Protein backbone atom coordinates (compact mmCIF):
# COMPACT_ATOMS: atom_id res chain seq x y z
CA MET A 1 109.03 78.60 131.90
CA SER A 2 106.33 80.43 130.54
CA THR A 3 105.96 80.42 126.67
CA TYR A 4 103.40 82.67 124.88
CA LEU A 5 102.39 82.10 120.92
CA ALA A 6 103.94 84.54 118.31
CA LEU A 7 103.70 85.07 114.24
CA THR A 8 107.62 85.59 113.26
CA ALA A 9 108.71 86.54 109.96
CA VAL A 10 111.12 83.82 109.03
CA LEU A 11 114.04 84.02 106.98
CA THR A 12 114.95 81.47 104.75
CA ASP A 13 116.89 81.27 101.77
CA GLY A 14 115.97 85.00 100.62
CA THR A 15 112.39 84.54 101.44
CA ILE A 16 110.14 85.65 104.05
CA HIS A 17 107.45 83.59 105.44
CA PRO A 18 105.37 83.89 108.35
CA GLU A 19 105.50 80.99 110.77
CA VAL A 20 103.53 80.95 114.60
CA ARG A 21 105.88 80.08 116.87
CA GLU A 22 105.88 79.07 120.33
CA LEU A 23 108.23 81.37 122.85
CA GLU A 24 109.82 81.42 125.93
CA GLN A 25 109.30 84.20 128.25
CA GLN A 26 111.94 86.31 129.18
CA ALA A 27 112.61 88.07 132.37
CA LEU A 28 112.18 91.63 132.95
CA GLY A 29 115.38 93.90 132.77
CA PRO A 30 115.33 97.00 134.86
CA ASP A 31 112.52 99.16 134.09
CA GLU A 32 110.77 97.05 131.62
CA LEU A 33 107.20 96.11 131.01
CA ARG A 34 105.61 92.78 130.42
CA ILE A 35 102.25 93.85 128.09
CA GLN A 36 99.65 91.56 127.57
CA VAL A 37 98.94 92.51 123.52
CA ARG A 38 95.05 92.32 123.08
CA TYR A 39 95.34 94.57 119.78
CA SER A 40 98.19 95.14 117.37
CA SER A 41 97.23 96.47 113.78
CA ILE A 42 98.97 96.29 109.78
CA ASN A 43 101.15 98.97 108.63
CA PHE A 44 102.94 99.98 105.46
CA LYS A 45 105.88 99.21 107.71
CA ASP A 46 104.81 95.60 108.92
CA ALA A 47 104.10 94.38 105.54
CA LEU A 48 108.09 95.86 104.78
CA ALA A 49 109.21 93.95 107.70
CA PHE A 50 107.56 90.38 105.49
CA THR A 51 109.11 91.64 102.22
CA PRO A 52 112.71 90.42 101.52
CA GLY A 53 114.74 93.59 101.12
CA GLY A 54 112.15 95.80 102.81
CA GLY A 55 114.68 97.43 104.63
CA VAL A 56 112.74 98.36 107.88
CA VAL A 57 114.13 95.13 109.85
CA ARG A 58 117.62 94.52 110.99
CA GLU A 59 117.57 90.56 111.89
CA TYR A 60 115.64 87.64 111.47
CA PRO A 61 113.66 85.89 113.03
CA ILE A 62 111.44 88.92 114.71
CA VAL A 63 107.65 89.16 115.69
CA PRO A 64 106.22 92.02 113.78
CA GLY A 65 103.95 94.41 114.36
CA ILE A 66 104.80 98.19 115.57
CA ASP A 67 101.53 99.02 117.23
CA ILE A 68 101.35 97.38 120.81
CA ALA A 69 97.81 97.99 122.74
CA GLY A 70 97.51 95.70 125.78
CA VAL A 71 97.72 95.37 129.38
CA VAL A 72 100.80 95.62 131.73
CA SER A 73 101.14 92.34 133.52
CA GLU A 74 104.46 92.47 134.75
CA SER A 75 106.54 95.61 135.71
CA THR A 76 109.79 96.74 136.66
CA SER A 77 109.19 100.45 137.12
CA PRO A 78 107.85 102.72 139.26
CA ASP A 79 105.79 104.52 136.61
CA PHE A 80 103.35 101.35 135.44
CA GLN A 81 101.32 99.35 137.53
CA VAL A 82 99.86 95.88 137.12
CA GLY A 83 96.53 96.15 135.58
CA ASP A 84 97.39 99.76 133.22
CA ASN A 85 96.37 100.10 129.58
CA VAL A 86 99.10 101.26 127.65
CA ILE A 87 100.45 101.54 124.24
CA ALA A 88 103.64 101.59 122.74
CA HIS A 89 105.07 102.30 119.37
CA GLY A 90 107.80 103.70 117.72
CA TYR A 91 111.62 103.46 118.28
CA GLY A 92 112.98 99.75 117.80
CA ILE A 93 109.45 97.90 118.00
CA GLY A 94 108.60 95.23 115.26
CA THR A 95 111.88 96.38 113.72
CA ALA A 96 114.60 96.02 115.67
CA ARG A 97 113.04 94.05 118.37
CA ASP A 98 110.00 91.97 119.08
CA GLY A 99 106.63 93.85 118.38
CA GLY A 100 103.46 93.17 118.70
CA TYR A 101 101.76 89.46 116.99
CA ALA A 102 102.17 88.20 119.86
CA GLN A 103 100.26 87.42 123.09
CA GLU A 104 102.86 89.42 124.73
CA ALA A 105 105.65 91.22 124.45
CA VAL A 106 108.48 93.03 126.35
CA VAL A 107 109.00 96.69 126.26
CA PRO A 108 111.33 99.54 127.90
CA ALA A 109 108.56 101.62 129.93
CA ALA A 110 110.12 104.61 128.41
CA TRP A 111 108.66 103.90 125.13
CA THR A 112 105.30 103.46 126.37
CA VAL A 113 102.33 105.49 127.13
CA LYS A 114 99.31 105.26 129.30
CA LEU A 115 95.91 105.19 128.49
CA ASP A 116 93.10 107.30 130.22
CA ARG A 117 90.11 108.01 127.98
CA LEU A 118 90.99 105.64 125.08
CA THR A 119 89.77 101.63 124.91
CA LEU A 120 92.32 99.07 123.79
CA ARG A 121 90.97 98.39 120.36
CA GLU A 122 90.83 102.52 119.57
CA ALA A 123 94.12 102.82 120.68
CA ALA A 124 95.30 100.21 118.36
CA THR A 125 92.86 101.37 115.34
CA ILE A 126 94.41 105.08 115.75
CA GLY A 127 97.76 103.20 115.99
CA THR A 128 101.30 104.70 114.51
CA ALA A 129 99.21 105.83 110.99
CA GLY A 130 96.67 108.01 113.53
CA PHE A 131 99.79 109.15 115.57
CA THR A 132 101.18 110.30 112.09
CA ALA A 133 97.75 112.32 111.01
CA ALA A 134 97.71 114.00 114.75
CA MET A 135 101.48 114.88 114.70
CA SER A 136 100.71 116.59 110.47
CA VAL A 137 97.56 117.90 111.95
CA ALA A 138 99.02 119.46 114.83
CA ALA A 139 101.74 120.81 113.07
CA ILE A 140 99.25 122.79 110.50
CA LEU A 141 97.50 124.24 113.35
CA GLU A 142 100.53 124.79 115.37
CA TRP A 143 101.98 127.10 111.89
CA GLY A 144 98.88 129.18 112.15
CA VAL A 145 96.61 127.52 109.20
CA THR A 146 93.06 127.91 110.13
CA PRO A 147 90.09 127.07 108.02
CA ASP A 148 89.59 130.59 106.57
CA SER A 149 93.38 130.26 105.16
CA GLY A 150 91.90 127.90 102.28
CA PRO A 151 91.73 124.25 101.28
CA VAL A 152 93.95 121.78 102.55
CA VAL A 153 94.85 118.61 100.58
CA VAL A 154 95.62 115.57 101.98
CA THR A 155 97.33 112.63 99.24
CA GLY A 156 97.14 109.31 99.76
CA ALA A 157 94.09 109.73 101.41
CA THR A 158 92.64 106.05 101.77
CA GLY A 159 95.56 105.13 103.67
CA GLY A 160 95.46 104.95 107.59
CA VAL A 161 97.76 108.43 108.10
CA GLY A 162 95.75 110.29 105.30
CA SER A 163 91.93 108.83 105.95
CA THR A 164 92.68 110.17 109.86
CA SER A 165 94.09 113.47 108.44
CA ILE A 166 90.93 113.68 106.81
CA ASP A 167 88.95 113.04 109.36
CA LEU A 168 90.79 115.38 112.06
CA LEU A 169 90.93 118.24 109.49
CA SER A 170 87.32 117.88 108.62
CA ALA A 171 86.38 118.08 112.76
CA LYS A 172 88.68 121.26 112.74
CA GLY A 173 86.24 123.10 110.17
CA PHE A 174 89.02 123.07 107.32
CA GLU A 175 87.28 122.10 103.66
CA VAL A 176 89.87 119.23 103.04
CA VAL A 177 90.26 118.01 99.56
CA ALA A 178 91.34 114.36 99.13
CA SER A 179 94.14 113.56 96.64
CA SER A 180 93.18 109.47 95.57
CA GLY A 181 94.33 107.18 93.04
CA LYS A 182 90.99 104.96 93.81
CA PRO A 183 87.86 106.39 92.23
CA ASP A 184 86.00 103.77 94.13
CA ALA A 185 86.60 105.26 97.64
CA THR A 186 85.29 108.58 96.78
CA PRO A 187 81.98 108.03 98.84
CA ARG A 188 84.00 107.01 102.19
CA LEU A 189 86.66 109.97 101.91
CA HIS A 190 83.19 112.04 101.58
CA ASP A 191 81.94 110.32 104.69
CA LEU A 192 85.15 110.92 106.56
CA GLY A 193 85.29 114.57 106.14
CA ALA A 194 86.41 115.04 102.22
CA THR A 195 84.62 118.12 100.75
CA GLU A 196 86.22 117.54 97.54
CA VAL A 197 88.15 114.26 95.96
CA ILE A 198 90.90 114.17 93.21
CA GLY A 199 93.23 112.60 91.34
CA ARG A 200 96.99 111.33 91.97
CA LEU A 201 98.73 114.65 92.21
CA PRO A 202 100.15 115.89 89.68
CA LEU A 203 96.69 115.30 87.98
CA ASP A 204 98.61 115.81 84.56
CA PRO A 205 101.56 114.05 85.17
CA ASP A 206 103.17 114.64 81.68
CA ALA A 207 103.19 118.43 81.82
CA LYS A 208 106.12 120.17 82.39
CA ARG A 209 105.95 121.41 86.16
CA ARG A 210 106.28 125.58 86.31
CA PRO A 211 108.59 125.79 89.74
CA LEU A 212 105.49 128.02 90.61
CA GLY A 213 102.34 127.28 89.69
CA ARG A 214 98.59 128.68 90.54
CA SER A 215 98.54 129.12 94.30
CA ARG A 216 95.68 127.01 95.52
CA TRP A 217 96.37 125.09 99.55
CA ALA A 218 96.57 126.81 102.61
CA ALA A 219 98.66 123.35 104.29
CA ALA A 220 98.65 119.91 102.92
CA VAL A 221 99.24 116.11 104.62
CA ASP A 222 101.56 114.77 102.07
CA CYS A 223 101.79 110.44 102.82
CA VAL A 224 103.06 110.03 98.97
CA GLY A 225 106.24 112.18 98.15
CA GLY A 226 107.89 112.31 94.96
CA ALA A 227 106.38 114.09 92.04
CA ALA A 228 102.96 114.61 94.50
CA LEU A 229 105.21 116.51 96.72
CA ALA A 230 106.76 118.75 94.32
CA ASP A 231 103.57 119.35 92.49
CA ILE A 232 101.94 120.53 96.19
CA LEU A 233 104.89 122.59 97.20
CA SER A 234 104.56 124.62 93.84
CA THR A 235 100.59 125.44 94.05
CA MET A 236 101.39 126.22 97.74
CA ASN A 237 99.50 129.67 98.78
CA TYR A 238 101.78 132.50 100.62
CA GLY A 239 102.79 131.18 104.19
CA GLY A 240 101.57 127.51 103.84
CA VAL A 241 102.94 124.58 105.39
CA VAL A 242 103.38 120.98 103.65
CA THR A 243 103.60 118.02 106.31
CA ALA A 244 105.72 115.30 104.87
CA SER A 245 105.46 111.82 105.86
CA GLY A 246 105.42 109.63 103.17
CA LEU A 247 107.62 107.97 100.31
CA ASN A 248 105.67 105.69 98.23
CA GLY A 249 105.93 108.04 95.33
CA GLY A 250 109.59 107.63 95.80
CA ILE A 251 112.01 109.45 97.53
CA ALA A 252 113.28 111.99 94.96
CA LEU A 253 112.10 115.51 95.49
CA GLU A 254 112.58 117.40 91.85
CA THR A 255 111.54 120.88 93.05
CA THR A 256 113.13 124.46 93.42
CA VAL A 257 113.83 127.38 96.21
CA MET A 258 111.31 129.62 94.78
CA PRO A 259 108.21 128.13 96.79
CA PHE A 260 110.53 128.22 100.07
CA ILE A 261 112.17 132.07 99.38
CA LEU A 262 109.09 133.77 97.50
CA ARG A 263 106.51 132.38 98.79
CA GLY A 264 107.33 131.46 102.54
CA VAL A 265 106.38 128.17 102.37
CA GLY A 266 107.66 125.46 104.92
CA LEU A 267 107.80 121.83 104.87
CA LEU A 268 107.93 119.89 108.08
CA GLY A 269 109.47 116.15 108.10
CA ILE A 270 107.03 114.10 110.43
CA ASP A 271 108.58 111.25 111.81
CA SER A 272 106.54 109.48 114.91
CA VAL A 273 109.07 106.76 114.88
CA GLN A 274 111.58 108.82 117.17
CA MET A 275 109.73 111.31 118.85
CA MET A 276 110.71 111.90 122.77
CA ILE A 277 108.71 109.92 124.81
CA ALA A 278 107.38 113.16 126.86
CA SER A 279 106.14 114.65 123.55
CA ARG A 280 105.29 111.59 122.77
CA ARG A 281 102.66 111.14 125.50
CA ALA A 282 101.85 115.03 125.49
CA LEU A 283 100.29 113.96 122.10
CA TRP A 284 98.34 111.26 122.76
CA GLN A 285 96.71 113.15 125.66
CA ARG A 286 95.62 115.21 123.30
CA ILE A 287 94.43 112.34 121.03
CA GLU A 288 92.05 111.44 123.76
CA SER A 289 90.91 114.80 123.75
CA GLU A 290 90.69 116.95 120.64
CA LEU A 291 92.88 115.37 118.36
CA LYS A 292 89.96 111.66 118.79
CA PRO A 293 89.63 110.86 115.38
CA ARG A 294 85.48 110.82 115.07
CA ASN A 295 85.13 107.46 112.78
CA LEU A 296 87.31 105.46 114.08
CA GLU A 297 84.98 102.24 113.14
CA SER A 298 84.49 103.39 109.75
CA ILE A 299 88.48 103.04 109.16
CA CYS A 300 88.65 99.83 110.81
CA VAL A 301 88.78 96.55 109.53
CA GLU A 302 89.18 93.74 112.43
CA VAL A 303 91.25 90.92 111.19
CA PRO A 304 92.40 87.36 113.03
CA ILE A 305 96.07 86.68 113.07
CA SER A 306 95.60 84.18 110.11
CA GLU A 307 95.09 86.99 108.07
CA VAL A 308 97.69 89.01 108.21
CA SER A 309 99.04 87.53 104.83
CA THR A 310 96.26 88.30 103.20
CA VAL A 311 96.05 92.12 104.04
CA VAL A 312 100.00 92.58 103.66
CA ASP A 313 100.04 91.37 100.24
CA ALA A 314 97.12 93.58 99.73
CA LEU A 315 99.37 96.13 101.28
CA ARG A 316 101.69 95.67 98.78
CA ARG A 317 99.97 95.97 95.74
CA GLY A 318 98.31 99.24 97.11
CA GLU A 319 95.01 97.58 97.43
CA PHE A 320 93.94 98.30 100.89
CA THR A 321 92.37 101.04 102.20
CA GLY A 322 91.85 101.99 105.74
CA ARG A 323 93.39 99.80 109.31
CA ALA A 324 93.66 96.46 109.93
CA VAL A 325 93.53 95.96 113.67
CA ILE A 326 94.71 92.31 114.81
CA ASP A 327 92.86 91.33 117.99
CA ILE A 328 95.52 89.20 119.96
CA SER A 329 92.84 87.39 121.58
CA GLU A 330 91.13 85.21 118.97
CA ARG A 331 91.69 82.02 117.51
CA TRP A 332 95.58 81.63 116.07
CA THR A 333 94.64 78.27 114.65
């Protein structure tokens, strides 16, 4: 039986360590695809897969990598042919079943998206983070917010979701305010299209927050949660909308009903993991056209498989910016 190499997260005596293993190729089941992985990426969820108590992996050992971009090498689905360029992400990839940190992966066809105009590297650079950003921006547009409505704030602006959201919103003509705790990233955020760069929200964390503050934002892409989200909700314009996809700032939300019932503010949860495949494929079609980020190269940092642990450590410390993309075809040793 054929074998392939994979970077595996192994749990031993309460610690998780990366280990390159040679795995045996498994036979395909009905409506499954064997994908020769060309690119994957490193997301915060991948960092959690290597973290004891991270809460995202059900059982170890596992091959992390929630993004898979590659070429179909074998198919038992009538919808996919050998040679198709595809991307797969979400569902249980990299958390409940082996993901993209391997030379090949087996994925249900019902979790997979066929690519048309994006290269595999572009698709991996966008990945889960860029897809989440596109979901957020699409939701804001569908809410009816326009550039004339006022500024849009993006929290966690240097992360994958935040930086891509700035890019997409700026391309649509919005005035984008980037909120970040990394002053050194200000020039880069301006290059992505941010009109203004401010510190972490709330700007004065010690001040007592009023249920309703001065209206400021027409919309928000919140990648942080916690106090930042509460601050944003209290300062939204009438009829504004907040898309929430992050929880690095905490899962608690100390707010009141007043923004919702006195200003008609909408709070939309953004989850790319369980999104239905028809909607997922439709959004990827939009990403290949009017929602394609303009600055993919500037947000992309390509790393070899041997340096995954280094990037994971930087993500845990909150020191990594942009998108880390892994070229799986590069040398493994």
